[in-house]
Amino acid sequence: MSAAATAAGYLYASGRLRGRAQREQDEAQKDAPQPQPQAKPPRQRTERPKVATMRREVRVAALPQEEPKPQEELKPRRTPTIQYRTRRWKPDA
């Protein structure tokens, strides 16, 4: 028997059993007398003291601006050279 057939059979059987248990439970509830729900007095809300929200002052440190370098000191960035190599395995290595 394949795993799919086993799984399908399991799901089919479990669904039938679940349905059967649900029907039995519904019938048992119909037969049993329904207890009358007791009316609970409404809960009174307790008064909370009103508290003002506390706001913190946000402080930001300002960094000093960097002075631009004179053109003489700036060097062009070196372009990396791309070297293509074919790596082959050698028994000596």
Protein backbone atom coordinates (compact mmCIF):
# COMPACT_ATOMS: atom_id res chain seq x y z
CA MET A 1 0.00 0.00 0.00
CA SER A 2 1.42 3.38 -0.89
CA ALA A 3 1.95 6.15 1.58
CA ALA A 4 -0.62 8.31 -0.22
CA ALA A 5 -3.27 5.60 0.09
CA THR A 6 -2.43 5.13 3.77
CA ALA A 7 -2.67 8.86 4.42
CA ALA A 8 -5.94 9.12 2.51
CA GLY A 9 -7.40 6.21 4.47
CA TYR A 10 -6.30 7.73 7.75
CA LEU A 11 -7.87 11.09 6.91
CA TYR A 12 -11.10 9.43 5.77
CA ALA A 13 -11.39 7.34 8.94
CA SER A 14 -10.48 10.17 11.28
CA GLY A 15 -13.07 12.41 9.61
CA ARG A 16 -15.77 9.78 10.05
CA LEU A 17 -14.83 9.24 13.68
CA ARG A 18 -14.76 12.96 14.35
CA GLY A 19 -18.20 13.34 12.76
CA ARG A 20 -19.56 10.42 14.75
CA ALA A 21 -18.23 11.87 18.01
CA GLN A 22 -19.73 15.26 17.14
CA ARG A 23 -23.16 13.70 16.46
CA GLU A 24 -23.07 11.78 19.74
CA GLN A 25 -22.11 14.92 21.61
CA ASP A 26 -24.94 16.91 19.99
CA GLU A 27 -27.47 14.20 20.89
CA ALA A 28 -26.23 14.11 24.48
CA GLN A 29 -26.65 17.86 24.75
CA LYS A 30 -30.20 17.68 23.39
CA ASP A 31 -31.14 15.00 25.93
CA ALA A 32 -29.58 16.77 28.92
CA PRO A 33 -31.62 19.56 30.55
CA GLN A 34 -30.25 22.98 29.78
CA PRO A 35 -29.17 24.83 32.93
CA GLN A 36 -30.55 28.32 33.16
CA PRO A 37 -27.77 30.88 32.92
CA GLN A 38 -27.53 32.98 36.03
CA ALA A 39 -27.70 36.67 35.47
CA LYS A 40 -24.52 38.25 36.72
CA PRO A 41 -24.64 41.80 37.92
CA PRO A 42 -22.82 44.11 35.52
CA ARG A 43 -19.28 44.85 36.61
CA GLN A 44 -18.68 48.38 37.57
CA ARG A 45 -15.66 49.97 36.06
CA THR A 46 -13.16 51.18 38.55
CA GLU A 47 -12.07 54.74 38.13
CA ARG A 48 -8.49 55.07 37.08
CA PRO A 49 -6.55 58.12 38.07
CA LYS A 50 -5.86 60.26 35.05
CA VAL A 51 -2.17 60.47 34.45
CA ALA A 52 -0.61 62.96 32.11
CA THR A 53 1.52 61.35 29.46
CA MET A 54 5.19 61.91 30.05
CA ARG A 55 7.02 63.30 27.05
CA ARG A 56 10.75 63.17 26.96
CA GLU A 57 12.68 65.84 25.20
CA VAL A 58 14.61 64.39 22.28
CA ARG A 59 18.12 65.72 22.04
CA VAL A 60 20.23 65.24 18.95
CA ALA A 61 23.95 65.88 18.82
CA ALA A 62 25.08 67.75 15.73
CA LEU A 63 28.38 66.68 14.23
CA PRO A 64 30.72 69.33 12.90
CA GLN A 65 30.81 69.44 9.12
CA GLU A 66 33.95 68.18 7.48
CA GLU A 67 35.79 70.67 5.42
CA PRO A 68 36.23 69.61 1.80
CA LYS A 69 39.79 68.70 0.87
CA PRO A 70 41.57 70.85 -1.69
CA GLN A 71 41.70 69.37 -5.22
CA GLU A 72 45.47 68.91 -5.00
CA GLU A 73 45.20 66.34 -2.23
CA LEU A 74 42.51 64.27 -3.95
CA LYS A 75 43.90 61.40 -5.96
CA PRO A 76 41.83 59.46 -8.45
CA ARG A 77 40.81 56.07 -7.14
CA ARG A 78 42.86 53.22 -8.48
CA THR A 79 40.88 50.94 -10.76
CA PRO A 80 41.30 47.31 -9.81
CA THR A 81 42.78 45.11 -12.51
CA ILE A 82 40.70 42.09 -13.38
CA GLN A 83 42.74 38.98 -14.05
CA TYR A 84 41.04 35.95 -15.47
CA ARG A 85 42.72 32.67 -14.63
CA THR A 86 41.67 29.13 -15.33
CA ARG A 87 42.41 27.01 -12.32
CA ARG A 88 43.03 23.42 -13.07
CA TRP A 89 43.82 20.66 -10.64
CA LYS A 90 47.31 19.30 -10.94
CA PRO A 91 48.45 16.17 -9.15
CA ASP A 92 51.69 17.97 -8.12
CA ALA A 93 49.85 20.63 -6.16
